[in-house]
Amino acid sequence: MEITASLQTQPETPQKASRTATIWSLVSSILINGVLPFIIYILLTNYTNTSELLALVASGVPPLLESIVGILRRKRIDVLAGISLAGITASLIIALLGGSPKIYLIRESFFTAIFGLVFLVTLLFSRPLMFYFSRHFATGNHPKNIPWFDSLWQYRGFRISMRVMTTVWGIGFLLEAAIRIYLVFALSTEQFLIVSPFIIYGIIGILATWTFFYSRAGRKKSEAIRQSMLVQQNVSPAPDA
């Protein structure tokens, strides 16, 4: 009965994202992290005596402000905000040390590579990193829902799915870093500033889409198991709402 009860228990405050809000968030993020930095860089390098490195540092101001506003609004640091803030911190250090523009441009790739390695390293621990990310979004970070999500760890299929997702995201971050580092040296600064946002958002978009369908398939399988257990116990399942 304990397994059935756990499977039947649902989070009290599920987090539902509006499609329109999601699309708007993506568009605004591309504008702030891609279009504005490119415009700032072009204006400073073409119409002022600002050096290329300082122009690149100035182009990081819009993403910095977006990250700070996002953290204050959500009261948490998500993956993208963490990468952005880490990159901006590295930017300031590089600027102070008089680093080259090429080194400046690969700063975020360095941190996405670290994130990728961290994801893969956590596979060696009792619970991989994706478990904690999934718990945050699945429960809405509501304290009453966390025990429900934690109880799912007892199921082998759930444990496998968390490890698979952690592996895929870790490899995805490493791939993103490798592509961006290659393009830094293969393209001009202007060309890289144009394509760079599409690389990170493209790869994360692919990973998020894959995670959505992979998780949905897992939920369908879990629901089928739940229905089967209820039938075996001669309990009529409640009709879907």
Protein backbone atom coordinates (compact mmCIF):
# COMPACT_ATOMS: atom_id res chain seq x y z
CA MET A 1 0.00 0.00 0.00
CA GLU A 2 2.91 2.38 0.66
CA ILE A 3 4.02 2.26 -2.98
CA THR A 4 0.50 2.89 -4.24
CA ALA A 5 0.06 5.80 -1.85
CA SER A 6 3.30 7.34 -2.99
CA LEU A 7 2.35 6.98 -6.63
CA GLN A 8 -1.06 8.52 -6.01
CA THR A 9 0.26 11.46 -4.08
CA GLN A 10 0.51 14.57 -6.22
CA PRO A 11 2.22 17.89 -5.46
CA GLU A 12 -0.12 20.47 -4.01
CA THR A 13 1.21 23.45 -5.95
CA PRO A 14 2.36 22.33 -9.41
CA GLN A 15 4.28 24.91 -11.38
CA LYS A 16 2.67 25.66 -14.76
CA ALA A 17 4.40 27.95 -17.21
CA SER A 18 2.41 29.91 -19.74
CA ARG A 19 3.42 29.26 -23.35
CA THR A 20 3.15 32.95 -24.14
CA ALA A 21 5.27 33.88 -21.14
CA THR A 22 7.87 31.30 -22.12
CA ILE A 23 8.11 32.60 -25.69
CA TRP A 24 8.34 36.21 -24.49
CA SER A 25 11.03 35.25 -21.99
CA LEU A 26 13.06 33.59 -24.74
CA VAL A 27 12.70 36.54 -27.13
CA SER A 28 13.60 39.11 -24.48
CA SER A 29 16.56 37.02 -23.39
CA ILE A 30 17.90 36.86 -26.96
CA LEU A 31 17.48 40.63 -27.28
CA ILE A 32 19.23 41.37 -24.00
CA ASN A 33 21.96 38.76 -24.29
CA GLY A 34 22.49 38.91 -28.05
CA VAL A 35 21.18 41.98 -29.85
CA LEU A 36 22.02 44.66 -27.29
CA PRO A 37 25.59 43.44 -26.62
CA PHE A 38 26.24 43.39 -30.39
CA ILE A 39 24.88 46.93 -30.83
CA ILE A 40 26.91 48.25 -27.89
CA TYR A 41 30.08 46.62 -29.21
CA ILE A 42 29.62 47.99 -32.76
CA LEU A 43 28.83 51.51 -31.54
CA LEU A 44 31.81 51.66 -29.18
CA THR A 45 34.34 50.20 -31.59
CA ASN A 46 33.18 52.14 -34.67
CA TYR A 47 32.27 55.53 -33.21
CA THR A 48 34.54 55.90 -30.16
CA ASN A 49 38.16 55.27 -29.27
CA THR A 50 37.22 52.48 -26.88
CA SER A 51 39.46 49.42 -27.11
CA GLU A 52 37.99 46.14 -28.30
CA LEU A 53 38.34 44.53 -24.89
CA LEU A 54 36.61 47.39 -23.04
CA ALA A 55 33.85 47.41 -25.67
CA LEU A 56 33.29 43.71 -25.02
CA VAL A 57 33.15 44.36 -21.27
CA ALA A 58 30.60 47.14 -21.82
CA SER A 59 28.52 44.81 -23.99
CA GLY A 60 28.15 42.56 -20.96
CA VAL A 61 26.22 45.21 -18.99
CA PRO A 62 22.70 44.28 -20.30
CA PRO A 63 23.13 40.55 -19.46
CA LEU A 64 24.48 41.55 -16.04
CA LEU A 65 21.45 43.72 -15.29
CA GLU A 66 19.08 40.99 -16.52
CA SER A 67 20.74 38.42 -14.26
CA ILE A 68 20.54 40.69 -11.21
CA VAL A 69 16.87 41.55 -11.85
CA GLY A 70 16.06 37.86 -12.40
CA ILE A 71 17.74 36.85 -9.16
CA LEU A 72 15.96 39.56 -7.18
CA ARG A 73 12.60 38.65 -8.75
CA ARG A 74 12.84 34.86 -8.41
CA LYS A 75 15.04 34.92 -5.29
CA ARG A 76 17.18 32.14 -6.77
CA ILE A 77 19.96 31.65 -9.30
CA ASP A 78 19.09 29.38 -12.22
CA VAL A 79 21.61 27.72 -14.55
CA LEU A 80 21.69 30.48 -17.17
CA ALA A 81 21.94 33.24 -14.56
CA GLY A 82 24.74 31.38 -12.85
CA ILE A 83 26.67 31.01 -16.11
CA SER A 84 26.09 34.66 -16.94
CA LEU A 85 27.25 35.95 -13.56
CA ALA A 86 30.29 33.67 -13.55
CA GLY A 87 31.18 34.88 -17.03
CA ILE A 88 30.79 38.53 -16.08
CA THR A 89 32.99 38.04 -13.01
CA ALA A 90 35.64 36.47 -15.21
CA SER A 91 35.24 39.36 -17.66
CA LEU A 92 36.11 41.92 -15.02
CA ILE A 93 39.16 39.93 -13.95
CA ILE A 94 40.32 39.57 -17.56
CA ALA A 95 39.83 43.31 -18.18
CA LEU A 96 41.76 44.25 -15.04
CA LEU A 97 44.61 41.91 -16.01
CA GLY A 98 44.67 43.26 -19.56
CA GLY A 99 43.68 39.99 -21.21
CA SER A 100 43.03 39.54 -24.92
CA PRO A 101 39.57 39.82 -26.55
CA LYS A 102 39.73 36.15 -27.60
CA ILE A 103 40.23 35.04 -24.01
CA TYR A 104 37.37 37.32 -23.00
CA LEU A 105 35.05 35.71 -25.56
CA ILE A 106 35.64 32.17 -24.32
CA ARG A 107 35.02 33.09 -20.69
CA GLU A 108 31.46 31.69 -20.57
CA SER A 109 32.52 28.53 -22.39
CA PHE A 110 34.95 27.89 -19.56
CA PHE A 111 32.11 27.91 -17.07
CA THR A 112 29.70 25.86 -19.18
CA ALA A 113 32.48 23.28 -19.46
CA ILE A 114 32.76 23.27 -15.67
CA PHE A 115 28.98 22.89 -15.35
CA GLY A 116 29.10 19.96 -17.75
CA LEU A 117 31.86 18.28 -15.76
CA VAL A 118 29.99 18.89 -12.50
CA PHE A 119 26.88 17.23 -13.95
CA LEU A 120 28.90 14.16 -14.94
CA VAL A 121 30.84 13.99 -11.67
CA THR A 122 27.60 13.95 -9.64
CA LEU A 123 26.78 10.62 -11.30
CA LEU A 124 29.26 9.18 -8.81
CA PHE A 125 27.18 10.44 -5.87
CA SER A 126 24.04 8.90 -4.39
CA ARG A 127 21.81 11.38 -6.22
CA PRO A 128 22.87 13.19 -9.43
CA LEU A 129 22.53 16.92 -9.94
CA MET A 130 19.49 16.67 -12.22
CA PHE A 131 17.50 15.20 -9.32
CA TYR A 132 17.74 18.51 -7.46
CA PHE A 133 16.95 20.62 -10.53
CA SER A 134 13.95 18.42 -11.31
CA ARG A 135 12.73 18.57 -7.73
CA HIS A 136 12.82 22.36 -7.76
CA PHE A 137 10.68 22.64 -10.90
CA ALA A 138 8.38 19.68 -10.20
CA THR A 139 7.47 20.84 -6.70
CA GLY A 140 7.52 24.59 -7.28
CA ASN A 141 10.10 24.60 -4.45
CA HIS A 142 7.18 24.20 -2.03
CA PRO A 143 8.26 22.53 1.26
CA LYS A 144 5.10 20.40 1.42
CA ASN A 145 5.81 18.87 -2.00
CA ILE A 146 9.48 18.01 -1.52
CA PRO A 147 8.84 14.79 0.50
CA TRP A 148 6.59 13.56 -2.34
CA PHE A 149 9.37 14.06 -4.89
CA ASP A 150 12.02 12.56 -2.59
CA SER A 151 9.86 9.43 -2.19
CA LEU A 152 10.10 8.77 -5.93
CA TRP A 153 13.78 7.89 -5.54
CA GLN A 154 12.78 4.43 -4.28
CA TYR A 155 11.72 3.46 -7.82
CA ARG A 156 14.39 2.07 -10.11
CA GLY A 157 12.93 3.67 -13.24
CA PHE A 158 12.98 7.11 -11.61
CA ARG A 159 16.60 6.70 -10.52
CA ILE A 160 17.62 5.66 -14.04
CA SER A 161 15.81 8.65 -15.61
CA MET A 162 17.59 11.11 -13.29
CA ARG A 163 20.96 9.64 -14.18
CA VAL A 164 20.19 9.61 -17.90
CA MET A 165 19.11 13.28 -17.83
CA THR A 166 22.19 14.24 -15.83
CA THR A 167 24.43 12.51 -18.37
CA VAL A 168 22.73 14.14 -21.37
CA TRP A 169 22.87 17.64 -19.86
CA GLY A 170 26.50 17.21 -18.85
CA ILE A 171 27.50 16.17 -22.36
CA GLY A 172 25.37 18.98 -23.81
CA PHE A 173 27.18 21.64 -21.77
CA LEU A 174 30.57 20.24 -22.77
CA LEU A 175 29.50 20.24 -26.43
CA GLU A 176 28.33 23.86 -26.17
CA ALA A 177 31.68 24.90 -24.69
CA ALA A 178 33.65 23.08 -27.40
CA ILE A 179 31.62 24.67 -30.23
CA ARG A 180 31.89 28.19 -28.82
CA ILE A 181 35.64 27.91 -28.22
CA TYR A 182 36.15 26.74 -31.80
CA LEU A 183 34.03 29.59 -33.18
CA VAL A 184 35.92 32.21 -31.13
CA PHE A 185 39.03 31.47 -33.15
CA ALA A 186 37.25 30.69 -36.43
CA LEU A 187 35.11 33.85 -36.62
CA SER A 188 35.64 37.57 -36.23
CA THR A 189 34.45 39.22 -33.02
CA GLU A 190 31.40 40.71 -34.77
CA GLN A 191 30.43 37.36 -36.28
CA PHE A 192 30.88 35.57 -32.97
CA LEU A 193 28.72 38.08 -31.09
CA ILE A 194 25.93 37.43 -33.60
CA VAL A 195 25.98 33.61 -33.48
CA SER A 196 27.01 33.11 -29.84
CA PRO A 197 23.55 33.57 -28.22
CA PHE A 198 21.99 31.13 -30.70
CA ILE A 199 24.56 28.48 -29.77
CA ILE A 200 23.90 28.45 -26.04
CA TYR A 201 20.13 28.97 -26.34
CA GLY A 202 19.94 26.50 -29.21
CA ILE A 203 21.69 23.73 -27.31
CA ILE A 204 19.80 24.44 -24.09
CA GLY A 205 16.57 24.55 -26.09
CA ILE A 206 17.35 21.14 -27.60
CA LEU A 207 18.21 19.74 -24.16
CA ALA A 208 15.03 21.19 -22.63
CA THR A 209 12.86 19.80 -25.45
CA TRP A 210 14.44 16.37 -25.13
CA THR A 211 13.97 16.48 -21.34
CA PHE A 212 10.29 17.38 -21.75
CA PHE A 213 9.52 14.44 -24.04
CA TYR A 214 11.73 12.05 -22.07
CA SER A 215 10.04 13.04 -18.80
CA ARG A 216 6.57 12.79 -20.35
CA ALA A 217 7.31 9.27 -21.55
CA GLY A 218 8.46 8.40 -18.04
CA ARG A 219 5.28 9.83 -16.50
CA LYS A 220 3.12 7.82 -18.88
CA LYS A 221 4.99 4.66 -17.96
CA SER A 222 4.60 5.43 -14.23
CA GLU A 223 0.89 6.06 -14.67
CA ALA A 224 0.49 2.73 -16.45
CA ILE A 225 2.24 1.00 -13.53
CA ARG A 226 0.01 2.82 -11.04
CA GLN A 227 -3.14 1.80 -12.88
CA SER A 228 -1.94 -1.80 -13.02
CA MET A 229 -1.25 -1.84 -9.27
CA LEU A 230 -4.65 -0.38 -8.50
CA VAL A 231 -6.34 -3.04 -10.61
CA GLN A 232 -4.37 -5.78 -8.89
CA GLN A 233 -5.51 -4.46 -5.51
CA ASN A 234 -9.12 -4.27 -6.71
CA VAL A 235 -9.16 -0.50 -6.36
CA SER A 236 -10.97 1.48 -9.04
CA PRO A 237 -8.78 4.36 -10.24
CA ALA A 238 -10.25 7.82 -10.05
CA PRO A 239 -11.29 9.22 -13.46
CA ASP A 240 -9.05 11.87 -14.98
CA ALA A 241 -10.14 15.42 -14.41
